[in-house]
């Protein structure tokens, strides 16, 4: 006989499946240093994401800030220690984590629609935000969608349009690293994830040769 669960057994399933999206209430965690900016990345409007509520892939309808996930094989939230089955910030974890109870999703569903911050709520430096705005204007996902749809008809000119955006994204990140000492993680918060990684949402893959040459292939 299966007894309904009514408490956390620390199986780690929630933490290993994905990382939380920040809500406005979580901004205090950044101000107090519980979560650092390098622990976050931006999902930009128009980016392909997985909606875990409905179990499907969809385009982000708005900008969101998420906690990073581990790159290792097990994946999951960077604050979860798989070997010890514990969250390193459990006592001050984001509101989505507090609300998520696998045996009863009602509280999570109440929290999920609440107001979520964007980059302007997290990044105080106006110079950095000026770079973010310029990057968003040039590398907006709407441009990539337009070029990707045009490849079949426009061919090389559409491909070159995508490559130009890839080069711009790459060189802005390098400029920020060299001149403002912005590391990779901080750049992912400021500019979103590199286009060389997210380009896969269009069924394309980037091959880079040297610092200036980019080539597109089909996945």
C-alpha atoms as a PDB file:
ATOM      1  CA  UNK A   1       0.000   0.000   0.000  1.00  0.00           C
ATOM      2  CA  UNK A   2       1.424   3.352  -1.044  1.00  0.00           C
ATOM      3  CA  UNK A   3       1.238   5.982   1.676  1.00  0.00           C
ATOM      4  CA  UNK A   4       0.781   9.522   0.292  1.00  0.00           C
ATOM      5  CA  UNK A   5       3.853  11.635   0.937  1.00  0.00           C
ATOM      6  CA  UNK A   6       3.403  14.786   3.029  1.00  0.00           C
ATOM      7  CA  UNK A   7       6.997  15.892   3.618  1.00  0.00           C
ATOM      8  CA  UNK A   8      10.337  16.243   1.845  1.00  0.00           C
ATOM      9  CA  UNK A   9      12.501  13.090   1.815  1.00  0.00           C
ATOM     10  CA  UNK A  10      15.495  14.922   0.279  1.00  0.00           C
ATOM     11  CA  UNK A  11      15.522  12.826  -2.869  1.00  0.00           C
ATOM     12  CA  UNK A  12      16.824  15.851  -4.803  1.00  0.00           C
ATOM     13  CA  UNK A  13      14.510  15.303  -7.744  1.00  0.00           C
ATOM     14  CA  UNK A  14      13.238  18.905  -7.734  1.00  0.00           C
ATOM     15  CA  UNK A  15      16.722  20.414  -7.487  1.00  0.00           C
ATOM     16  CA  UNK A  16      18.198  18.141 -10.144  1.00  0.00           C
ATOM     17  CA  UNK A  17      15.462  18.717 -12.697  1.00  0.00           C
ATOM     18  CA  UNK A  18      15.982  22.485 -13.045  1.00  0.00           C
ATOM     19  CA  UNK A  19      16.901  25.694 -11.254  1.00  0.00           C
ATOM     20  CA  UNK A  20      14.473  28.354  -9.963  1.00  0.00           C
ATOM     21  CA  UNK A  21      13.445  31.554 -11.673  1.00  0.00           C
ATOM     22  CA  UNK A  22      13.769  34.581  -9.397  1.00  0.00           C
ATOM     23  CA  UNK A  23      10.766  36.523  -8.150  1.00  0.00           C
ATOM     24  CA  UNK A  24      10.753  40.096  -6.888  1.00  0.00           C
ATOM     25  CA  UNK A  25      10.808  38.826  -3.297  1.00  0.00           C
ATOM     26  CA  UNK A  26      14.164  37.168  -4.035  1.00  0.00           C
ATOM     27  CA  UNK A  27      15.991  40.440  -4.696  1.00  0.00           C
ATOM     28  CA  UNK A  28      16.828  40.628  -0.987  1.00  0.00           C
ATOM     29  CA  UNK A  29      18.891  37.458  -1.438  1.00  0.00           C
ATOM     30  CA  UNK A  30      21.099  39.361  -3.890  1.00  0.00           C
ATOM     31  CA  UNK A  31      21.364  42.454  -1.716  1.00  0.00           C
ATOM     32  CA  UNK A  32      22.485  40.320   1.212  1.00  0.00           C
ATOM     33  CA  UNK A  33      24.947  38.286  -0.863  1.00  0.00           C
ATOM     34  CA  UNK A  34      23.175  34.952  -0.372  1.00  0.00           C
ATOM     35  CA  UNK A  35      22.948  34.710  -4.153  1.00  0.00           C
ATOM     36  CA  UNK A  36      25.591  36.494  -6.214  1.00  0.00           C
ATOM     37  CA  UNK A  37      25.203  37.915  -9.694  1.00  0.00           C
ATOM     38  CA  UNK A  38      27.583  35.299 -11.047  1.00  0.00           C
ATOM     39  CA  UNK A  39      25.112  32.652  -9.833  1.00  0.00           C
ATOM     40  CA  UNK A  40      22.483  33.914 -12.284  1.00  0.00           C
ATOM     41  CA  UNK A  41      21.788  34.166 -15.983  1.00  0.00           C
ATOM     42  CA  UNK A  42      19.173  35.930 -18.074  1.00  0.00           C
ATOM     43  CA  UNK A  43      16.606  34.235 -20.247  1.00  0.00           C
ATOM     44  CA  UNK A  44      15.816  36.797 -22.939  1.00  0.00           C
ATOM     45  CA  UNK A  45      12.445  37.331 -24.569  1.00  0.00           C
ATOM     46  CA  UNK A  46      12.055  35.052 -27.576  1.00  0.00           C
ATOM     47  CA  UNK A  47      14.492  32.424 -26.290  1.00  0.00           C
ATOM     48  CA  UNK A  48      13.412  28.793 -26.429  1.00  0.00           C
ATOM     49  CA  UNK A  49      12.843  27.421 -22.925  1.00  0.00           C
ATOM     50  CA  UNK A  50      11.215  24.426 -21.328  1.00  0.00           C
ATOM     51  CA  UNK A  51       7.991  25.164 -19.496  1.00  0.00           C
ATOM     52  CA  UNK A  52       8.075  22.641 -16.663  1.00  0.00           C
ATOM     53  CA  UNK A  53       4.509  23.500 -15.688  1.00  0.00           C
ATOM     54  CA  UNK A  54       3.091  22.304 -19.005  1.00  0.00           C
ATOM     55  CA  UNK A  55       5.962  19.991 -19.929  1.00  0.00           C
ATOM     56  CA  UNK A  56       6.701  21.592 -23.278  1.00  0.00           C
ATOM     57  CA  UNK A  57       9.166  23.790 -25.115  1.00  0.00           C
ATOM     58  CA  UNK A  58       8.063  27.359 -25.803  1.00  0.00           C
ATOM     59  CA  UNK A  59       9.429  30.815 -26.532  1.00  0.00           C
ATOM     60  CA  UNK A  60       9.937  33.015 -23.479  1.00  0.00           C
ATOM     61  CA  UNK A  61       7.264  35.714 -23.511  1.00  0.00           C
ATOM     62  CA  UNK A  62       9.316  37.997 -21.289  1.00  0.00           C
ATOM     63  CA  UNK A  63      12.755  38.399 -19.762  1.00  0.00           C
ATOM     64  CA  UNK A  64      13.529  36.297 -16.692  1.00  0.00           C
ATOM     65  CA  UNK A  65      16.443  35.813 -14.305  1.00  0.00           C
ATOM     66  CA  UNK A  66      17.301  32.234 -13.388  1.00  0.00           C
ATOM     67  CA  UNK A  67      19.753  30.540 -11.044  1.00  0.00           C
ATOM     68  CA  UNK A  68      22.492  28.824 -13.004  1.00  0.00           C
ATOM     69  CA  UNK A  69      22.568  25.076 -13.493  1.00  0.00           C
ATOM     70  CA  UNK A  70      25.566  22.805 -13.181  1.00  0.00           C
ATOM     71  CA  UNK A  71      27.373  21.848 -16.356  1.00  0.00           C
ATOM     72  CA  UNK A  72      28.326  18.447 -15.008  1.00  0.00           C
ATOM     73  CA  UNK A  73      26.542  15.269 -16.027  1.00  0.00           C
ATOM     74  CA  UNK A  74      24.035  15.318 -13.161  1.00  0.00           C
ATOM     75  CA  UNK A  75      22.994  18.913 -13.913  1.00  0.00           C
ATOM     76  CA  UNK A  76      20.534  20.659 -11.644  1.00  0.00           C
ATOM     77  CA  UNK A  77      20.727  23.814  -9.549  1.00  0.00           C
ATOM     78  CA  UNK A  78      24.231  25.020  -8.636  1.00  0.00           C
ATOM     79  CA  UNK A  79      23.241  25.274  -4.970  1.00  0.00           C
ATOM     80  CA  UNK A  80      22.351  21.595  -4.686  1.00  0.00           C
ATOM     81  CA  UNK A  81      25.096  19.205  -3.512  1.00  0.00           C
ATOM     82  CA  UNK A  82      24.146  15.856  -4.973  1.00  0.00           C
ATOM     83  CA  UNK A  83      26.524  13.774  -2.870  1.00  0.00           C
ATOM     84  CA  UNK A  84      25.128  15.187   0.377  1.00  0.00           C
ATOM     85  CA  UNK A  85      21.565  15.629  -0.882  1.00  0.00           C
ATOM     86  CA  UNK A  86      21.293  19.144   0.414  1.00  0.00           C
ATOM     87  CA  UNK A  87      20.808  22.727  -0.689  1.00  0.00           C
ATOM     88  CA  UNK A  88      23.644  25.014   0.419  1.00  0.00           C
ATOM     89  CA  UNK A  89      21.273  27.989   0.826  1.00  0.00           C
ATOM     90  CA  UNK A  90      18.278  26.043   2.112  1.00  0.00           C
ATOM     91  CA  UNK A  91      17.434  28.466   4.917  1.00  0.00           C
ATOM     92  CA  UNK A  92      17.392  31.433   2.477  1.00  0.00           C
ATOM     93  CA  UNK A  93      16.377  29.781  -0.786  1.00  0.00           C
ATOM     94  CA  UNK A  94      14.269  31.483  -3.508  1.00  0.00           C
ATOM     95  CA  UNK A  95      10.485  31.593  -3.116  1.00  0.00           C
ATOM     96  CA  UNK A  96       9.922  29.079  -5.913  1.00  0.00           C
ATOM     97  CA  UNK A  97      12.016  26.569  -3.997  1.00  0.00           C
ATOM     98  CA  UNK A  98      10.158  27.239  -0.751  1.00  0.00           C
ATOM     99  CA  UNK A  99       6.817  26.757  -2.499  1.00  0.00           C
ATOM    100  CA  UNK A 100       7.765  23.641  -4.464  1.00  0.00           C
ATOM    101  CA  UNK A 101       6.448  20.530  -2.762  1.00  0.00           C
ATOM    102  CA  UNK A 102       6.321  17.531  -5.062  1.00  0.00           C
ATOM    103  CA  UNK A 103       3.421  15.992  -3.114  1.00  0.00           C
ATOM    104  CA  UNK A 104       1.318  19.157  -3.363  1.00  0.00           C
ATOM    105  CA  UNK A 105       1.906  21.697  -6.140  1.00  0.00           C
ATOM    106  CA  UNK A 106      -0.841  24.126  -5.111  1.00  0.00           C
ATOM    107  CA  UNK A 107       1.504  26.553  -3.317  1.00  0.00           C
ATOM    108  CA  UNK A 108       3.949  26.558  -6.222  1.00  0.00           C
ATOM    109  CA  UNK A 109       1.148  27.270  -8.684  1.00  0.00           C
ATOM    110  CA  UNK A 110       0.118  30.237  -6.540  1.00  0.00           C
ATOM    111  CA  UNK A 111       3.677  31.607  -6.460  1.00  0.00           C
ATOM    112  CA  UNK A 112       4.596  30.936 -10.098  1.00  0.00           C
ATOM    113  CA  UNK A 113       2.631  33.830 -11.712  1.00  0.00           C
ATOM    114  CA  UNK A 114       3.936  36.458  -9.296  1.00  0.00           C
ATOM    115  CA  UNK A 115       6.046  39.363 -10.512  1.00  0.00           C
ATOM    116  CA  UNK A 116       9.521  38.417 -11.705  1.00  0.00           C
ATOM    117  CA  UNK A 117      12.482  40.809 -11.940  1.00  0.00           C
ATOM    118  CA  UNK A 118      14.395  41.642 -15.105  1.00  0.00           C
ATOM    119  CA  UNK A 119      17.995  42.764 -15.601  1.00  0.00           C
ATOM    120  CA  UNK A 120      17.230  46.373 -14.675  1.00  0.00           C
ATOM    121  CA  UNK A 121      16.118  45.186 -11.246  1.00  0.00           C
ATOM    122  CA  UNK A 122      19.400  43.336 -10.673  1.00  0.00           C
ATOM    123  CA  UNK A 123      22.115  45.385 -12.422  1.00  0.00           C
ATOM    124  CA  UNK A 124      22.608  48.807 -10.867  1.00  0.00           C
ATOM    125  CA  UNK A 125      25.514  50.016 -13.023  1.00  0.00           C
ATOM    126  CA  UNK A 126      24.113  52.293 -15.778  1.00  0.00           C
ATOM    127  CA  UNK A 127      27.178  51.697 -17.972  1.00  0.00           C
ATOM    128  CA  UNK A 128      26.630  47.947 -17.924  1.00  0.00           C
ATOM    129  CA  UNK A 129      22.938  48.383 -18.658  1.00  0.00           C
ATOM    130  CA  UNK A 130      23.836  50.606 -21.613  1.00  0.00           C
ATOM    131  CA  UNK A 131      25.842  47.699 -23.043  1.00  0.00           C
ATOM    132  CA  UNK A 132      22.946  45.330 -22.332  1.00  0.00           C
ATOM    133  CA  UNK A 133      20.506  47.650 -24.117  1.00  0.00           C
ATOM    134  CA  UNK A 134      22.785  47.962 -27.141  1.00  0.00           C
ATOM    135  CA  UNK A 135      23.232  44.197 -27.277  1.00  0.00           C
ATOM    136  CA  UNK A 136      19.474  43.609 -26.973  1.00  0.00           C
ATOM    137  CA  UNK A 137      18.792  46.068 -29.787  1.00  0.00           C
ATOM    138  CA  UNK A 138      21.311  44.391 -32.092  1.00  0.00           C
ATOM    139  CA  UNK A 139      20.915  40.738 -31.068  1.00  0.00           C
ATOM    140  CA  UNK A 140      17.213  40.602 -30.297  1.00  0.00           C
ATOM    141  CA  UNK A 141      15.829  37.105 -30.810  1.00  0.00           C
ATOM    142  CA  UNK A 142      13.207  38.514 -33.174  1.00  0.00           C
ATOM    143  CA  UNK A 143      16.055  39.221 -35.620  1.00  0.00           C
ATOM    144  CA  UNK A 144      17.339  35.659 -35.341  1.00  0.00           C
ATOM    145  CA  UNK A 145      13.863  34.233 -35.851  1.00  0.00           C
ATOM    146  CA  UNK A 146      13.457  36.363 -38.975  1.00  0.00           C
ATOM    147  CA  UNK A 147      16.794  35.292 -40.443  1.00  0.00           C
ATOM    148  CA  UNK A 148      16.220  31.615 -39.588  1.00  0.00           C
ATOM    149  CA  UNK A 149      12.832  31.620 -41.339  1.00  0.00           C
ATOM    150  CA  UNK A 150      14.407  33.274 -44.375  1.00  0.00           C
ATOM    151  CA  UNK A 151      17.225  30.760 -44.884  1.00  0.00           C
ATOM    152  CA  UNK A 152      15.237  28.521 -47.232  1.00  0.00           C
ATOM    153  CA  UNK A 153      14.354  31.402 -49.559  1.00  0.00           C
ATOM    154  CA  UNK A 154      17.145  33.933 -49.032  1.00  0.00           C
ATOM    155  CA  UNK A 155      19.936  31.422 -48.561  1.00  0.00           C
ATOM    156  CA  UNK A 156      23.381  32.939 -48.066  1.00  0.00           C
ATOM    157  CA  UNK A 157      22.174  36.438 -47.189  1.00  0.00           C
ATOM    158  CA  UNK A 158      20.060  35.093 -44.296  1.00  0.00           C
ATOM    159  CA  UNK A 159      22.949  32.937 -43.086  1.00  0.00           C
ATOM    160  CA  UNK A 160      25.262  35.956 -43.187  1.00  0.00           C
ATOM    161  CA  UNK A 161      22.717  37.926 -41.141  1.00  0.00           C
ATOM    162  CA  UNK A 162      22.852  35.262 -38.427  1.00  0.00           C
ATOM    163  CA  UNK A 163      26.645  35.114 -38.541  1.00  0.00           C
ATOM    164  CA  UNK A 164      26.865  38.872 -38.123  1.00  0.00           C
ATOM    165  CA  UNK A 165      24.795  38.667 -34.939  1.00  0.00           C
ATOM    166  CA  UNK A 166      26.944  35.799 -33.665  1.00  0.00           C
ATOM    167  CA  UNK A 167      30.099  37.825 -34.263  1.00  0.00           C
ATOM    168  CA  UNK A 168      28.641  40.887 -32.550  1.00  0.00           C
ATOM    169  CA  UNK A 169      27.599  38.840 -29.508  1.00  0.00           C
ATOM    170  CA  UNK A 170      31.006  37.156 -29.309  1.00  0.00           C
ATOM    171  CA  UNK A 171      33.023  40.362 -29.610  1.00  0.00           C
ATOM    172  CA  UNK A 172      30.915  42.304 -27.112  1.00  0.00           C
ATOM    173  CA  UNK A 173      31.515  39.580 -24.531  1.00  0.00           C
ATOM    174  CA  UNK A 174      35.232  39.679 -25.208  1.00  0.00           C
ATOM    175  CA  UNK A 175      35.245  43.491 -25.008  1.00  0.00           C
ATOM    176  CA  UNK A 176      33.488  43.417 -21.619  1.00  0.00           C
ATOM    177  CA  UNK A 177      35.911  40.774 -20.333  1.00  0.00           C
ATOM    178  CA  UNK A 178      39.010  42.666 -21.463  1.00  0.00           C
ATOM    179  CA  UNK A 179      37.935  46.213 -20.590  1.00  0.00           C
ATOM    180  CA  UNK A 180      35.488  45.846 -17.704  1.00  0.00           C
ATOM    181  CA  UNK A 181      36.811  42.519 -16.358  1.00  0.00           C
ATOM    182  CA  UNK A 182      33.382  40.924 -16.626  1.00  0.00           C
ATOM    183  CA  UNK A 183      33.691  37.159 -16.282  1.00  0.00           C
ATOM    184  CA  UNK A 184      31.704  34.595 -18.281  1.00  0.00           C
ATOM    185  CA  UNK A 185      29.017  34.098 -15.635  1.00  0.00           C
ATOM    186  CA  UNK A 186      28.454  37.828 -15.159  1.00  0.00           C
ATOM    187  CA  UNK A 187      28.213  38.272 -18.925  1.00  0.00           C
ATOM    188  CA  UNK A 188      25.465  35.634 -19.043  1.00  0.00           C
ATOM    189  CA  UNK A 189      23.450  37.735 -16.611  1.00  0.00           C
ATOM    190  CA  UNK A 190      24.125  40.984 -18.474  1.00  0.00           C
ATOM    191  CA  UNK A 191      23.664  39.708 -22.037  1.00  0.00           C
ATOM    192  CA  UNK A 192      21.901  36.382 -21.668  1.00  0.00           C
ATOM    193  CA  UNK A 193      23.484  33.137 -22.759  1.00  0.00           C
ATOM    194  CA  UNK A 194      25.889  33.249 -25.749  1.00  0.00           C
ATOM    195  CA  UNK A 195      24.189  32.990 -29.119  1.00  0.00           C
ATOM    196  CA  UNK A 196      26.690  30.298 -30.068  1.00  0.00           C
ATOM    197  CA  UNK A 197      24.906  28.122 -27.484  1.00  0.00           C
ATOM    198  CA  UNK A 198      21.271  29.132 -27.964  1.00  0.00           C
ATOM    199  CA  UNK A 199      21.453  29.021 -31.773  1.00  0.00           C
ATOM    200  CA  UNK A 200      20.549  25.341 -31.442  1.00  0.00           C
ATOM    201  CA  UNK A 201      16.922  26.400 -30.952  1.00  0.00           C
ATOM    202  CA  UNK A 202      16.837  27.071 -34.706  1.00  0.00           C
ATOM    203  CA  UNK A 203      18.238  23.657 -35.590  1.00  0.00           C
ATOM    204  CA  UNK A 204      21.646  25.196 -36.250  1.00  0.00           C
ATOM    205  CA  UNK A 205      25.115  24.649 -34.827  1.00  0.00           C
ATOM    206  CA  UNK A 206      28.082  27.028 -34.819  1.00  0.00           C
ATOM    207  CA  UNK A 207      31.561  25.938 -35.779  1.00  0.00           C
ATOM    208  CA  UNK A 208      34.177  28.490 -34.786  1.00  0.00           C
ATOM    209  CA  UNK A 209      37.636  28.661 -36.326  1.00  0.00           C
ATOM    210  CA  UNK A 210      39.993  31.135 -34.710  1.00  0.00           C
ATOM    211  CA  UNK A 211      38.637  34.322 -33.192  1.00  0.00           C
ATOM    212  CA  UNK A 212      36.795  35.738 -36.187  1.00  0.00           C
ATOM    213  CA  UNK A 213      35.531  32.862 -38.316  1.00  0.00           C
ATOM    214  CA  UNK A 214      32.096  31.369 -37.653  1.00  0.00           C
ATOM    215  CA  UNK A 215      30.329  28.760 -39.752  1.00  0.00           C
ATOM    216  CA  UNK A 216      26.783  27.438 -39.473  1.00  0.00           C
ATOM    217  CA  UNK A 217      25.816  23.809 -39.882  1.00  0.00           C
ATOM    218  CA  UNK A 218      22.519  21.988 -39.467  1.00  0.00           C
ATOM    219  CA  UNK A 219      22.167  19.874 -36.328  1.00  0.00           C
END
